[in-house]
C-alpha cells in the first residue's frame, strides 16, 4: 500500500481502492464469469475472502490457470485451501500461482 505522504505533491501518482476480485474479473474477463460464480459456490466465504482479496492477475489459457497473488500469504492460502475448487470451477488440470 502506498504511503499517502509519499504521494503528496506528486501529480503523477494516484491511488484508488481495489474492487473485489469477483467484480474485477467479471468486468475485465467476462469469459471467466461462470467460473467465478462456481468458485463462490465451492469455497466457503471465509476462505474466499482471505485467499482472493489481493489477487493481481488471473488468466486461463487452455487447461492452465495462472494466478498472480498479492503476496506469499495469499499464495499459501490459495495453495492450501483452493486448488481443487479452482480446477473444478474453471475446468483446468493445472493451477500455477505466483506470489
PDB file of N, CA and C in Angstrom:
ATOM      1  N   UNK A   1       0.848  -1.171   0.000  1.00  0.00           N
ATOM      2  CA  UNK A   1       0.000   0.000   0.000  1.00  0.00           C
ATOM      3  C   UNK A   1       0.895   1.235   0.000  1.00  0.00           C
ATOM      4  N   UNK A   2       0.511   2.222  -0.776  1.00  0.00           N
ATOM      5  CA  UNK A   2       1.305   3.438  -0.875  1.00  0.00           C
ATOM      6  C   UNK A   2       1.106   4.329   0.329  1.00  0.00           C
ATOM      7  N   UNK A   3       2.167   4.897   0.782  1.00  0.00           N
ATOM      8  CA  UNK A   3       2.113   5.879   1.852  1.00  0.00           C
ATOM      9  C   UNK A   3       1.617   7.188   1.251  1.00  0.00           C
ATOM     10  N   UNK A   4       0.518   7.724   1.756  1.00  0.00           N
ATOM     11  CA  UNK A   4      -0.059   8.933   1.172  1.00  0.00           C
ATOM     12  C   UNK A   4       0.872  10.127   1.274  1.00  0.00           C
ATOM     13  N   UNK A   5       1.744  10.177   2.290  1.00  0.00           N
ATOM     14  CA  UNK A   5       2.712  11.261   2.383  1.00  0.00           C
ATOM     15  C   UNK A   5       3.695  11.207   1.224  1.00  0.00           C
ATOM     16  N   UNK A   6       4.020  10.014   0.780  1.00  0.00           N
ATOM     17  CA  UNK A   6       4.913   9.840  -0.360  1.00  0.00           C
ATOM     18  C   UNK A   6       4.283  10.416  -1.620  1.00  0.00           C
ATOM     19  N   UNK A   7       2.970  10.333  -1.718  1.00  0.00           N
ATOM     20  CA  UNK A   7       2.257  10.790  -2.904  1.00  0.00           C
ATOM     21  C   UNK A   7       1.996  12.291  -2.889  1.00  0.00           C
ATOM     22  N   UNK A   8       2.097  12.910  -1.751  1.00  0.00           N
ATOM     23  CA  UNK A   8       1.775  14.334  -1.633  1.00  0.00           C
ATOM     24  C   UNK A   8       2.647  15.155  -2.574  1.00  0.00           C
ATOM     25  N   UNK A   9       1.996  15.982  -3.356  1.00  0.00           N
ATOM     26  CA  UNK A   9       2.711  16.873  -4.249  1.00  0.00           C
ATOM     27  C   UNK A   9       3.134  16.246  -5.564  1.00  0.00           C
ATOM     28  N   UNK A  10       2.985  14.955  -5.734  1.00  0.00           N
ATOM     29  CA  UNK A  10       3.370  14.303  -6.983  1.00  0.00           C
ATOM     30  C   UNK A  10       2.128  14.098  -7.834  1.00  0.00           C
ATOM     31  N   UNK A  11       1.983  14.873  -8.876  1.00  0.00           N
ATOM     32  CA  UNK A  11       0.787  14.813  -9.727  1.00  0.00           C
ATOM     33  C   UNK A  11       0.759  13.575 -10.609  1.00  0.00           C
ATOM     34  N   UNK A  12       1.850  12.820 -10.657  1.00  0.00           N
ATOM     35  CA  UNK A  12       1.918  11.626 -11.496  1.00  0.00           C
ATOM     36  C   UNK A  12       1.430  10.373 -10.785  1.00  0.00           C
ATOM     37  N   UNK A  13       1.186  10.472  -9.484  1.00  0.00           N
ATOM     38  CA  UNK A  13       0.735   9.323  -8.711  1.00  0.00           C
ATOM     39  C   UNK A  13      -0.678   9.527  -8.220  1.00  0.00           C
ATOM     40  N   UNK A  14      -1.408   8.444  -8.186  1.00  0.00           N
ATOM     41  CA  UNK A  14      -2.749   8.468  -7.597  1.00  0.00           C
ATOM     42  C   UNK A  14      -3.013   7.102  -6.985  1.00  0.00           C
ATOM     43  N   UNK A  15      -3.989   7.037  -6.118  1.00  0.00           N
ATOM     44  CA  UNK A  15      -4.355   5.755  -5.531  1.00  0.00           C
ATOM     45  C   UNK A  15      -5.867   5.618  -5.564  1.00  0.00           C
ATOM     46  N   UNK A  16      -6.303   4.387  -5.614  1.00  0.00           N
ATOM     47  CA  UNK A  16      -7.727   4.099  -5.576  1.00  0.00           C
ATOM     48  C   UNK A  16      -7.927   2.753  -4.909  1.00  0.00           C
ATOM     49  N   UNK A  17      -9.074   2.589  -4.301  1.00  0.00           N
ATOM     50  CA  UNK A  17      -9.375   1.327  -3.633  1.00  0.00           C
ATOM     51  C   UNK A  17      -9.602   0.248  -4.689  1.00  0.00           C
ATOM     52  N   UNK A  18      -9.065  -0.928  -4.436  1.00  0.00           N
ATOM     53  CA  UNK A  18      -9.245  -2.044  -5.356  1.00  0.00           C
ATOM     54  C   UNK A  18     -10.646  -2.615  -5.212  1.00  0.00           C
ATOM     55  N   UNK A  19     -11.234  -2.971  -6.334  1.00  0.00           N
ATOM     56  CA  UNK A  19     -12.545  -3.612  -6.305  1.00  0.00           C
ATOM     57  C   UNK A  19     -12.370  -5.066  -5.888  1.00  0.00           C
ATOM     58  N   UNK A  20     -13.413  -5.673  -5.365  1.00  0.00           N
ATOM     59  CA  UNK A  20     -13.331  -7.090  -5.012  1.00  0.00           C
ATOM     60  C   UNK A  20     -12.975  -7.940  -6.241  1.00  0.00           C
ATOM     61  N   UNK A  21     -12.307  -9.046  -5.989  1.00  0.00           N
ATOM     62  CA  UNK A  21     -11.839  -9.943  -7.039  1.00  0.00           C
ATOM     63  C   UNK A  21     -12.940 -10.316  -8.026  1.00  0.00           C
ATOM     64  N   UNK A  22     -14.073 -10.784  -7.515  1.00  0.00           N
ATOM     65  CA  UNK A  22     -15.128 -11.249  -8.409  1.00  0.00           C
ATOM     66  C   UNK A  22     -15.668 -10.132  -9.292  1.00  0.00           C
ATOM     67  N   UNK A  23     -15.772  -8.927  -8.786  1.00  0.00           N
ATOM     68  CA  UNK A  23     -16.257  -7.787  -9.578  1.00  0.00           C
ATOM     69  C   UNK A  23     -15.270  -7.466 -10.700  1.00  0.00           C
ATOM     70  N   UNK A  24     -13.981  -7.416 -10.371  1.00  0.00           N
ATOM     71  CA  UNK A  24     -12.954  -7.112 -11.380  1.00  0.00           C
ATOM     72  C   UNK A  24     -12.904  -8.155 -12.474  1.00  0.00           C
ATOM     73  N   UNK A  25     -12.918  -9.430 -12.092  1.00  0.00           N
ATOM     74  CA  UNK A  25     -12.809 -10.494 -13.083  1.00  0.00           C
ATOM     75  C   UNK A  25     -14.027 -10.501 -13.999  1.00  0.00           C
ATOM     76  N   UNK A  26     -15.208 -10.361 -13.441  1.00  0.00           N
ATOM     77  CA  UNK A  26     -16.418 -10.374 -14.264  1.00  0.00           C
ATOM     78  C   UNK A  26     -16.447  -9.191 -15.234  1.00  0.00           C
ATOM     79  N   UNK A  27     -15.909  -8.051 -14.810  1.00  0.00           N
ATOM     80  CA  UNK A  27     -15.884  -6.879 -15.680  1.00  0.00           C
ATOM     81  C   UNK A  27     -14.781  -7.003 -16.743  1.00  0.00           C
ATOM     82  N   UNK A  28     -13.581  -7.382 -16.318  1.00  0.00           N
ATOM     83  CA  UNK A  28     -12.435  -7.392 -17.221  1.00  0.00           C
ATOM     84  C   UNK A  28     -12.344  -8.645 -18.089  1.00  0.00           C
ATOM     85  N   UNK A  29     -12.832  -9.766 -17.579  1.00  0.00           N
ATOM     86  CA  UNK A  29     -12.738 -11.034 -18.300  1.00  0.00           C
ATOM     87  C   UNK A  29     -14.065 -11.776 -18.207  1.00  0.00           C
ATOM     88  N   UNK A  30     -15.067 -11.301 -18.936  1.00  0.00           N
ATOM     89  CA  UNK A  30     -16.405 -11.905 -18.827  1.00  0.00           C
ATOM     90  C   UNK A  30     -16.443 -13.393 -19.166  1.00  0.00           C
ATOM     91  N   UNK A  31     -15.453 -13.871 -19.920  1.00  0.00           N
ATOM     92  CA  UNK A  31     -15.417 -15.296 -20.254  1.00  0.00           C
ATOM     93  C   UNK A  31     -15.134 -16.163 -19.028  1.00  0.00           C
ATOM     94  N   UNK A  32     -14.646 -15.561 -17.954  1.00  0.00           N
ATOM     95  CA  UNK A  32     -14.368 -16.300 -16.714  1.00  0.00           C
ATOM     96  C   UNK A  32     -15.469 -16.136 -15.668  1.00  0.00           C
ATOM     97  N   UNK A  33     -16.512 -15.384 -15.984  1.00  0.00           N
ATOM     98  CA  UNK A  33     -17.573 -15.088 -15.012  1.00  0.00           C
ATOM     99  C   UNK A  33     -18.249 -16.352 -14.486  1.00  0.00           C
ATOM    100  N   UNK A  34     -18.521 -17.294 -15.361  1.00  0.00           N
ATOM    101  CA  UNK A  34     -19.178 -18.532 -14.933  1.00  0.00           C
ATOM    102  C   UNK A  34     -18.287 -19.302 -13.952  1.00  0.00           C
ATOM    103  N   UNK A  35     -16.994 -19.335 -14.202  1.00  0.00           N
ATOM    104  CA  UNK A  35     -16.065 -19.998 -13.294  1.00  0.00           C
ATOM    105  C   UNK A  35     -15.996 -19.316 -11.938  1.00  0.00           C
ATOM    106  N   UNK A  36     -16.053 -17.986 -11.940  1.00  0.00           N
ATOM    107  CA  UNK A  36     -16.037 -17.240 -10.679  1.00  0.00           C
ATOM    108  C   UNK A  36     -17.286 -17.564  -9.864  1.00  0.00           C
ATOM    109  N   UNK A  37     -18.442 -17.616 -10.516  1.00  0.00           N
ATOM    110  CA  UNK A  37     -19.688 -17.958  -9.817  1.00  0.00           C
ATOM    111  C   UNK A  37     -19.607 -19.364  -9.213  1.00  0.00           C
ATOM    112  N   UNK A  38     -19.054 -20.295  -9.976  1.00  0.00           N
ATOM    113  CA  UNK A  38     -18.904 -21.674  -9.483  1.00  0.00           C
ATOM    114  C   UNK A  38     -17.922 -21.722  -8.311  1.00  0.00           C
ATOM    115  N   UNK A  39     -16.850 -20.940  -8.404  1.00  0.00           N
ATOM    116  CA  UNK A  39     -15.866 -20.874  -7.324  1.00  0.00           C
ATOM    117  C   UNK A  39     -16.494 -20.362  -6.038  1.00  0.00           C
ATOM    118  N   UNK A  40     -17.352 -19.364  -6.154  1.00  0.00           N
ATOM    119  CA  UNK A  40     -18.053 -18.825  -4.979  1.00  0.00           C
ATOM    120  C   UNK A  40     -18.934 -19.875  -4.314  1.00  0.00           C
ATOM    121  N   UNK A  41     -19.449 -20.813  -5.091  1.00  0.00           N
ATOM    122  CA  UNK A  41     -20.262 -21.901  -4.537  1.00  0.00           C
ATOM    123  C   UNK A  41     -19.386 -22.961  -3.848  1.00  0.00           C
ATOM    124  N   UNK A  42     -18.194 -23.197  -4.381  1.00  0.00           N
ATOM    125  CA  UNK A  42     -17.337 -24.284  -3.900  1.00  0.00           C
ATOM    126  C   UNK A  42     -16.488 -23.924  -2.684  1.00  0.00           C
ATOM    127  N   UNK A  43     -16.117 -22.670  -2.558  1.00  0.00           N
ATOM    128  CA  UNK A  43     -15.213 -22.250  -1.493  1.00  0.00           C
ATOM    129  C   UNK A  43     -16.000 -21.535  -0.398  1.00  0.00           C
ATOM    130  N   UNK A  44     -15.820 -21.925   0.851  1.00  0.00           N
ATOM    131  CA  UNK A  44     -16.501 -21.216   1.943  1.00  0.00           C
ATOM    132  C   UNK A  44     -16.147 -19.719   1.931  1.00  0.00           C
ATOM    133  N   UNK A  45     -17.105 -18.889   2.306  1.00  0.00           N
ATOM    134  CA  UNK A  45     -16.944 -17.438   2.218  1.00  0.00           C
ATOM    135  C   UNK A  45     -15.715 -16.928   2.973  1.00  0.00           C
ATOM    136  N   UNK A  46     -15.465 -17.456   4.151  1.00  0.00           N
ATOM    137  CA  UNK A  46     -14.313 -17.016   4.956  1.00  0.00           C
ATOM    138  C   UNK A  46     -12.997 -17.283   4.224  1.00  0.00           C
ATOM    139  N   UNK A  47     -12.874 -18.465   3.640  1.00  0.00           N
ATOM    140  CA  UNK A  47     -11.663 -18.815   2.900  1.00  0.00           C
ATOM    141  C   UNK A  47     -11.562 -17.972   1.636  1.00  0.00           C
ATOM    142  N   UNK A  48     -12.670 -17.787   0.952  1.00  0.00           N
ATOM    143  CA  UNK A  48     -12.681 -16.984  -0.277  1.00  0.00           C
ATOM    144  C   UNK A  48     -12.187 -15.562  -0.006  1.00  0.00           C
ATOM    145  N   UNK A  49     -12.718 -14.929   1.020  1.00  0.00           N
ATOM    146  CA  UNK A  49     -12.327 -13.556   1.340  1.00  0.00           C
ATOM    147  C   UNK A  49     -10.839 -13.459   1.653  1.00  0.00           C
ATOM    148  N   UNK A  50     -10.324 -14.412   2.389  1.00  0.00           N
ATOM    149  CA  UNK A  50      -8.919 -14.390   2.796  1.00  0.00           C
ATOM    150  C   UNK A  50      -7.989 -14.673   1.608  1.00  0.00           C
ATOM    151  N   UNK A  51      -8.333 -15.640   0.790  1.00  0.00           N
ATOM    152  CA  UNK A  51      -7.431 -16.067  -0.280  1.00  0.00           C
ATOM    153  C   UNK A  51      -7.487 -15.181  -1.524  1.00  0.00           C
ATOM    154  N   UNK A  52      -8.616 -14.549  -1.779  1.00  0.00           N
ATOM    155  CA  UNK A  52      -8.788 -13.822  -3.034  1.00  0.00           C
ATOM    156  C   UNK A  52      -8.827 -12.308  -2.885  1.00  0.00           C
ATOM    157  N   UNK A  53      -8.499 -11.785  -1.713  1.00  0.00           N
ATOM    158  CA  UNK A  53      -8.633 -10.345  -1.514  1.00  0.00           C
ATOM    159  C   UNK A  53      -7.581  -9.523  -2.245  1.00  0.00           C
ATOM    160  N   UNK A  54      -6.408 -10.079  -2.529  1.00  0.00           N
ATOM    161  CA  UNK A  54      -5.339  -9.306  -3.164  1.00  0.00           C
ATOM    162  C   UNK A  54      -4.829  -9.923  -4.461  1.00  0.00           C
ATOM    163  N   UNK A  55      -5.680 -10.585  -5.201  1.00  0.00           N
ATOM    164  CA  UNK A  55      -5.253 -11.180  -6.465  1.00  0.00           C
ATOM    165  C   UNK A  55      -4.897 -10.064  -7.451  1.00  0.00           C
ATOM    166  N   UNK A  56      -3.725 -10.173  -8.060  1.00  0.00           N
ATOM    167  CA  UNK A  56      -3.272  -9.165  -9.023  1.00  0.00           C
ATOM    168  C   UNK A  56      -3.712  -9.519 -10.438  1.00  0.00           C
ATOM    169  N   UNK A  57      -3.425 -10.751 -10.875  1.00  0.00           N
ATOM    170  CA  UNK A  57      -3.755 -11.194 -12.221  1.00  0.00           C
ATOM    171  C   UNK A  57      -4.345 -12.595 -12.162  1.00  0.00           C
ATOM    172  N   UNK A  58      -5.273 -12.838 -13.069  1.00  0.00           N
ATOM    173  CA  UNK A  58      -5.980 -14.107 -13.096  1.00  0.00           C
ATOM    174  C   UNK A  58      -6.254 -14.420 -14.561  1.00  0.00           C
ATOM    175  N   UNK A  59      -5.598 -15.429 -15.125  1.00  0.00           N
ATOM    176  CA  UNK A  59      -5.755 -15.760 -16.537  1.00  0.00           C
ATOM    177  C   UNK A  59      -5.916 -17.252 -16.729  1.00  0.00           C
ATOM    178  N   UNK A  60      -6.672 -17.603 -17.769  1.00  0.00           N
ATOM    179  CA  UNK A  60      -6.832 -19.006 -18.141  1.00  0.00           C
ATOM    180  C   UNK A  60      -6.391 -19.158 -19.593  1.00  0.00           C
ATOM    181  N   UNK A  61      -5.526 -20.151 -19.803  1.00  0.00           N
ATOM    182  CA  UNK A  61      -5.098 -20.470 -21.161  1.00  0.00           C
ATOM    183  C   UNK A  61      -5.109 -21.974 -21.302  1.00  0.00           C
ATOM    184  N   UNK A  62      -5.988 -22.456 -22.141  1.00  0.00           N
ATOM    185  CA  UNK A  62      -6.117 -23.899 -22.314  1.00  0.00           C
ATOM    186  C   UNK A  62      -6.545 -24.559 -21.029  1.00  0.00           C
ATOM    187  N   UNK A  63      -5.760 -25.514 -20.562  1.00  0.00           N
ATOM    188  CA  UNK A  63      -6.098 -26.222 -19.324  1.00  0.00           C
ATOM    189  C   UNK A  63      -5.266 -25.742 -18.133  1.00  0.00           C
ATOM    190  N   UNK A  64      -4.724 -24.514 -18.228  1.00  0.00           N
ATOM    191  CA  UNK A  64      -3.917 -23.946 -17.146  1.00  0.00           C
ATOM    192  C   UNK A  64      -4.510 -22.632 -16.668  1.00  0.00           C
ATOM    193  N   UNK A  65      -4.546 -22.487 -15.365  1.00  0.00           N
ATOM    194  CA  UNK A  65      -4.986 -21.249 -14.733  1.00  0.00           C
ATOM    195  C   UNK A  65      -3.756 -20.612 -14.095  1.00  0.00           C
ATOM    196  N   UNK A  66      -3.492 -19.346 -14.425  1.00  0.00           N
ATOM    197  CA  UNK A  66      -2.361 -18.618 -13.879  1.00  0.00           C
ATOM    198  C   UNK A  66      -2.878 -17.525 -12.956  1.00  0.00           C
ATOM    199  N   UNK A  67      -2.379 -17.518 -11.736  1.00  0.00           N
ATOM    200  CA  UNK A  67      -2.799 -16.535 -10.742  1.00  0.00           C
ATOM    201  C   UNK A  67      -1.558 -15.837 -10.200  1.00  0.00           C
ATOM    202  N   UNK A  68      -1.588 -14.507 -10.202  1.00  0.00           N
ATOM    203  CA  UNK A  68      -0.551 -13.739  -9.522  1.00  0.00           C
ATOM    204  C   UNK A  68      -1.211 -13.193  -8.274  1.00  0.00           C
ATOM    205  N   UNK A  69      -0.778 -13.716  -7.130  1.00  0.00           N
ATOM    206  CA  UNK A  69      -1.395 -13.329  -5.863  1.00  0.00           C
ATOM    207  C   UNK A  69      -0.745 -12.065  -5.325  1.00  0.00           C
ATOM    208  N   UNK A  70      -1.335 -11.512  -4.290  1.00  0.00           N
ATOM    209  CA  UNK A  70      -0.825 -10.284  -3.700  1.00  0.00           C
ATOM    210  C   UNK A  70       0.418 -10.478  -2.858  1.00  0.00           C
ATOM    211  N   UNK A  71       0.770 -11.710  -2.559  1.00  0.00           N
ATOM    212  CA  UNK A  71       1.943 -11.966  -1.739  1.00  0.00           C
ATOM    213  C   UNK A  71       1.997 -13.416  -1.308  1.00  0.00           C
ATOM    214  N   UNK A  72       2.998 -13.730  -0.551  1.00  0.00           N
ATOM    215  CA  UNK A  72       3.231 -15.113  -0.138  1.00  0.00           C
ATOM    216  C   UNK A  72       2.114 -15.642   0.752  1.00  0.00           C
ATOM    217  N   UNK A  73       1.522 -14.784   1.570  1.00  0.00           N
ATOM    218  CA  UNK A  73       0.443 -15.231   2.442  1.00  0.00           C
ATOM    219  C   UNK A  73      -0.781 -15.650   1.634  1.00  0.00           C
ATOM    220  N   UNK A  74      -1.187 -14.837   0.666  1.00  0.00           N
ATOM    221  CA  UNK A  74      -2.328 -15.197  -0.185  1.00  0.00           C
ATOM    222  C   UNK A  74      -2.004 -16.437  -1.010  1.00  0.00           C
ATOM    223  N   UNK A  75      -0.764 -16.525  -1.481  1.00  0.00           N
ATOM    224  CA  UNK A  75      -0.363 -17.711  -2.244  1.00  0.00           C
ATOM    225  C   UNK A  75      -0.518 -18.968  -1.397  1.00  0.00           C
ATOM    226  N   UNK A  76      -0.104 -18.886  -0.155  1.00  0.00           N
ATOM    227  CA  UNK A  76      -0.225 -20.021   0.755  1.00  0.00           C
ATOM    228  C   UNK A  76      -1.686 -20.409   0.957  1.00  0.00           C
ATOM    229  N   UNK A  77      -2.553 -19.424   1.168  1.00  0.00           N
ATOM    230  CA  UNK A  77      -3.981 -19.708   1.336  1.00  0.00           C
ATOM    231  C   UNK A  77      -4.546 -20.379   0.085  1.00  0.00           C
ATOM    232  N   UNK A  78      -4.187 -19.861  -1.086  1.00  0.00           N
ATOM    233  CA  UNK A  78      -4.686 -20.435  -2.336  1.00  0.00           C
ATOM    234  C   UNK A  78      -4.219 -21.875  -2.503  1.00  0.00           C
ATOM    235  N   UNK A  79      -2.938 -22.105  -2.275  1.00  0.00           N
ATOM    236  CA  UNK A  79      -2.392 -23.453  -2.450  1.00  0.00           C
ATOM    237  C   UNK A  79      -2.978 -24.435  -1.445  1.00  0.00           C
ATOM    238  N   UNK A  80      -3.150 -23.987  -0.226  1.00  0.00           N
ATOM    239  CA  UNK A  80      -3.636 -24.878   0.836  1.00  0.00           C
ATOM    240  C   UNK A  80      -5.131 -25.153   0.726  1.00  0.00           C
ATOM    241  N   UNK A  81      -5.922 -24.127   0.388  1.00  0.00           N
ATOM    242  CA  UNK A  81      -7.371 -24.240   0.522  1.00  0.00           C
ATOM    243  C   UNK A  81      -8.168 -24.262  -0.781  1.00  0.00           C
ATOM    244  N   UNK A  82      -7.559 -23.906  -1.914  1.00  0.00           N
ATOM    245  CA  UNK A  82      -8.389 -23.613  -3.083  1.00  0.00           C
ATOM    246  C   UNK A  82      -8.062 -24.361  -4.370  1.00  0.00           C
ATOM    247  N   UNK A  83      -6.965 -25.086  -4.448  1.00  0.00           N
ATOM    248  CA  UNK A  83      -6.561 -25.712  -5.708  1.00  0.00           C
ATOM    249  C   UNK A  83      -7.651 -26.632  -6.281  1.00  0.00           C
ATOM    250  N   UNK A  84      -8.197 -27.570  -5.526  1.00  0.00           N
ATOM    251  CA  UNK A  84      -9.241 -28.432  -6.109  1.00  0.00           C
ATOM    252  C   UNK A  84     -10.467 -27.640  -6.592  1.00  0.00           C
ATOM    253  N   UNK A  85     -10.874 -26.643  -5.820  1.00  0.00           N
ATOM    254  CA  UNK A  85     -12.028 -25.830  -6.216  1.00  0.00           C
ATOM    255  C   UNK A  85     -11.728 -25.016  -7.475  1.00  0.00           C
ATOM    256  N   UNK A  86     -10.535 -24.471  -7.582  1.00  0.00           N
ATOM    257  CA  UNK A  86     -10.146 -23.716  -8.779  1.00  0.00           C
ATOM    258  C   UNK A  86     -10.161 -24.611 -10.013  1.00  0.00           C
ATOM    259  N   UNK A  87      -9.625 -25.824  -9.877  1.00  0.00           N
ATOM    260  CA  UNK A  87      -9.609 -26.758 -11.006  1.00  0.00           C
ATOM    261  C   UNK A  87     -11.026 -27.093 -11.459  1.00  0.00           C
ATOM    262  N   UNK A  88     -11.887 -27.361 -10.504  1.00  0.00           N
ATOM    263  CA  UNK A  88     -13.273 -27.710 -10.840  1.00  0.00           C
ATOM    264  C   UNK A  88     -14.030 -26.523 -11.420  1.00  0.00           C
ATOM    265  N   UNK A  89     -13.915 -25.373 -10.809  1.00  0.00           N
ATOM    266  CA  UNK A  89     -14.678 -24.190 -11.237  1.00  0.00           C
ATOM    267  C   UNK A  89     -14.297 -23.726 -12.631  1.00  0.00           C
ATOM    268  N   UNK A  90     -13.021 -23.806 -12.971  1.00  0.00           N
ATOM    269  CA  UNK A  90     -12.560 -23.277 -14.252  1.00  0.00           C
ATOM    270  C   UNK A  90     -12.229 -24.361 -15.273  1.00  0.00           C
ATOM    271  N   UNK A  91     -12.448 -25.621 -14.915  1.00  0.00           N
ATOM    272  CA  UNK A  91     -12.241 -26.724 -15.844  1.00  0.00           C
ATOM    273  C   UNK A  91     -10.797 -26.849 -16.320  1.00  0.00           C
ATOM    274  N   UNK A  92      -9.863 -26.702 -15.400  1.00  0.00           N
ATOM    275  CA  UNK A  92      -8.448 -26.805 -15.751  1.00  0.00           C
ATOM    276  C   UNK A  92      -7.821 -27.990 -15.027  1.00  0.00           C
ATOM    277  N   UNK A  93      -6.669 -28.427 -15.510  1.00  0.00           N
ATOM    278  CA  UNK A  93      -5.951 -29.518 -14.862  1.00  0.00           C
ATOM    279  C   UNK A  93      -4.729 -29.020 -14.105  1.00  0.00           C
ATOM    280  N   UNK A  94      -4.357 -27.762 -14.350  1.00  0.00           N
ATOM    281  CA  UNK A  94      -3.154 -27.201 -13.714  1.00  0.00           C
ATOM    282  C   UNK A  94      -3.438 -25.776 -13.230  1.00  0.00           C
ATOM    283  N   UNK A  95      -3.017 -25.488 -12.016  1.00  0.00           N
ATOM    284  CA  UNK A  95      -3.119 -24.139 -11.459  1.00  0.00           C
ATOM    285  C   UNK A  95      -1.719 -23.708 -11.059  1.00  0.00           C
ATOM    286  N   UNK A  96      -1.260 -22.602 -11.637  1.00  0.00           N
ATOM    287  CA  UNK A  96       0.052 -22.060 -11.310  1.00  0.00           C
ATOM    288  C   UNK A  96      -0.145 -20.739 -10.574  1.00  0.00           C
ATOM    289  N   UNK A  97       0.436 -20.645  -9.382  1.00  0.00           N
ATOM    290  CA  UNK A  97       0.279 -19.456  -8.554  1.00  0.00           C
ATOM    291  C   UNK A  97       1.646 -18.820  -8.341  1.00  0.00           C
ATOM    292  N   UNK A  98       1.729 -17.557  -8.662  1.00  0.00           N
ATOM    293  CA  UNK A  98       2.955 -16.790  -8.440  1.00  0.00           C
ATOM    294  C   UNK A  98       2.653 -15.811  -7.332  1.00  0.00           C
ATOM    295  N   UNK A  99       3.466 -15.812  -6.288  1.00  0.00           N
ATOM    296  CA  UNK A  99       3.175 -14.969  -5.149  1.00  0.00           C
ATOM    297  C   UNK A  99       4.287 -14.063  -4.909  1.00  0.00           C
TER     298      UNK A  99
END
